[in-house]
Protein backbone atom coordinates (compact mmCIF):
# COMPACT_ATOMS: atom_id res chain seq x y z
CA MET A 1 -13.44 -8.85 -17.58
CA GLN A 2 -15.31 -6.46 -15.32
CA GLU A 3 -13.55 -5.26 -12.16
CA HIS A 4 -14.59 -6.51 -8.74
CA GLY A 5 -13.80 -4.53 -5.60
CA THR A 6 -12.83 -0.90 -5.10
CA PHE A 7 -10.20 1.31 -3.51
CA ASP A 8 -9.47 4.90 -2.53
CA ILE A 9 -6.09 6.59 -2.96
CA THR A 10 -5.21 9.97 -1.45
CA THR A 11 -1.92 11.65 -0.66
CA THR A 12 -1.13 13.76 2.40
CA GLY A 13 2.40 14.99 2.82
CA GLN A 14 4.76 12.27 1.64
CA THR A 15 2.28 9.50 2.43
CA ILE A 16 0.01 7.74 -0.03
CA ARG A 17 -3.05 6.53 1.87
CA VAL A 18 -4.83 3.56 0.38
CA ARG A 19 -8.06 1.88 1.46
CA LEU A 20 -9.07 -1.42 -0.13
CA TYR A 21 -12.69 -2.65 -0.17
CA ASP A 22 -14.56 -5.83 -0.98
CA GLN A 23 -13.32 -8.77 -3.07
CA TRP A 24 -10.83 -8.06 -5.84
CA ASN A 25 -10.01 -9.65 -9.14
CA TYR A 26 -6.94 -9.25 -11.34
CA GLU A 27 -8.35 -6.28 -13.26
CA THR A 28 -8.92 -4.27 -10.08
CA SER A 29 -5.42 -5.09 -8.89
CA VAL A 30 -3.85 -3.91 -12.15
CA ARG A 31 -5.81 -0.64 -12.11
CA PHE A 32 -4.95 -0.08 -8.44
CA CYS A 33 -1.22 -0.58 -9.07
CA HIS A 34 -1.29 1.77 -12.06
CA GLU A 35 -3.05 4.48 -10.03
CA ALA A 36 -0.71 3.95 -7.06
CA LYS A 37 2.34 4.45 -9.31
CA THR A 38 0.77 7.54 -10.87
CA GLU A 39 0.21 9.00 -7.40
CA ALA A 40 3.73 8.08 -6.27
CA LEU A 41 5.27 9.86 -9.26
CA LEU A 42 3.93 13.12 -7.80
CA ILE A 43 5.95 12.75 -4.57
CA CYS A 44 8.82 10.36 -5.28
CA ASN A 45 11.38 13.14 -5.59
CA ARG A 46 11.68 12.77 -1.77
CA PRO A 47 11.33 9.76 0.55
CA TRP A 48 7.71 8.65 0.84
CA ALA A 49 5.50 5.92 2.29
CA PHE A 50 2.36 3.89 1.73
CA LEU A 51 -0.31 3.62 4.42
CA ILE A 52 -2.47 0.68 3.37
CA ASP A 53 -5.76 -0.05 5.14
CA LEU A 54 -6.92 -3.60 4.49
CA SER A 55 -9.51 -3.66 7.29
CA LYS A 56 -12.44 -3.70 4.80
CA TRP A 57 -10.75 -5.77 2.12
CA GLU A 58 -12.19 -9.23 1.49
CA LEU A 59 -9.14 -10.55 -0.38
CA GLY A 60 -8.96 -11.41 -4.04
CA THR A 61 -8.44 -14.03 -6.68
CA PRO A 62 -5.02 -15.74 -6.60
CA ASP A 63 -3.84 -13.86 -9.70
CA CYS A 64 -4.43 -10.41 -8.15
CA TYR A 65 -1.32 -10.54 -5.94
CA ALA A 66 1.39 -10.52 -8.64
CA PRO A 67 0.74 -6.83 -9.53
CA PHE A 68 1.32 -5.95 -5.83
CA GLU A 69 4.78 -7.50 -6.03
CA ASP A 70 5.50 -5.57 -9.23
CA VAL A 71 4.49 -2.24 -7.69
CA ASN A 72 6.61 -3.01 -4.60
CA ARG A 73 9.69 -3.62 -6.78
CA TRP A 74 8.95 -0.37 -8.65
CA ALA A 75 8.42 1.62 -5.43
CA SER A 76 11.72 0.37 -4.00
CA LYS A 77 13.45 1.99 -6.96
CA HIS A 78 11.44 5.22 -6.62
CA ASN A 79 12.31 6.43 -3.12
CA GLN A 80 9.72 4.59 -0.99
CA ILE A 81 11.19 4.16 2.50
CA CYS A 82 8.34 2.57 4.48
CA GLU A 83 4.95 0.95 4.38
CA ALA A 84 2.45 0.74 7.22
CA SER A 85 -0.37 -1.77 6.76
CA ILE A 86 -3.55 -1.88 8.82
CA ILE A 87 -4.87 -5.43 8.91
CA LYS A 88 -7.94 -7.16 10.27
CA LEU A 89 -7.47 -10.81 9.32
CA ALA A 90 -4.54 -13.17 9.78
CA ILE A 91 -4.60 -13.87 6.05
CA HIS A 92 -3.95 -10.15 5.44
CA GLN A 93 -0.68 -10.55 7.32
CA ASN A 94 0.29 -13.56 5.18
CA ILE A 95 -0.42 -11.69 1.94
CA ILE A 96 1.46 -8.57 3.07
CA GLU A 97 4.46 -10.60 4.18
CA LYS A 98 4.58 -12.43 0.84
CA THR A 99 4.21 -9.36 -1.37
CA ASP A 100 6.62 -7.33 0.79
CA LEU A 101 9.41 -9.77 -0.15
CA ALA A 102 9.61 -7.81 -3.42
CA PHE A 103 10.76 -4.70 -1.55
CA THR A 104 14.41 -3.69 -1.36
CA GLY A 105 15.34 -1.39 1.54
CA VAL A 106 11.74 -0.52 2.52
CA LYS A 107 10.74 -0.79 6.19
CA THR A 108 7.36 -2.44 6.74
CA LYS A 109 5.17 -2.79 9.81
CA LEU A 110 1.67 -4.10 10.56
CA PHE A 111 -0.91 -2.29 12.69
CA ASP A 112 -4.45 -2.75 13.90
CA ASN A 113 -5.37 0.95 13.76
CA GLU A 114 -4.60 4.03 11.70
CA GLN A 115 -3.38 6.25 14.55
CA GLU A 116 -0.53 3.89 15.47
CA ALA A 117 0.39 3.50 11.79
CA LEU A 118 0.54 7.28 11.29
CA PHE A 119 2.64 7.71 14.44
CA TRP A 120 5.11 5.09 13.20
CA LEU A 121 5.38 6.69 9.76
CA GLU A 122 6.07 10.09 11.35
CA SER A 123 8.71 8.44 13.58
CA GLN A 124 10.38 7.20 10.39
CA GLY A 125 10.65 10.76 9.10
CA VAL A 126 7.72 10.63 6.67
CA SER A 127 5.22 13.51 6.61
CA THR A 128 1.66 12.20 6.90
CA ASN A 129 -0.27 15.47 7.17
CA GLY A 130 0.73 17.70 4.27
CA GLU A 131 2.92 20.05 6.27
């Protein structure tokens, strides 16, 4: 099936920054999780974090959430120490809380803007700026 929805992934310091856009289906979710793992493998020799911006994400089909749980279990075993999520909708919070149950030992926090999320990640000892 053809993918629906898009995303951007970049890394600065020990932080993988992710922006999700539009409506997703399962295929997009699988590709996203594969690319997120590939990016994490470049920095997982030290503690790292995800910064996930869902403010332009219009959710997805019910089957697209299982890959998120899988990548969270994987990340827990590969040195991820925190995740900051920027949300816009109450349903974003519900999805994040459900998929974050797959984490082991990873601190998570929700934000309504990027600056606060970056400040929190830095306060947790994670480099967000490449220095």
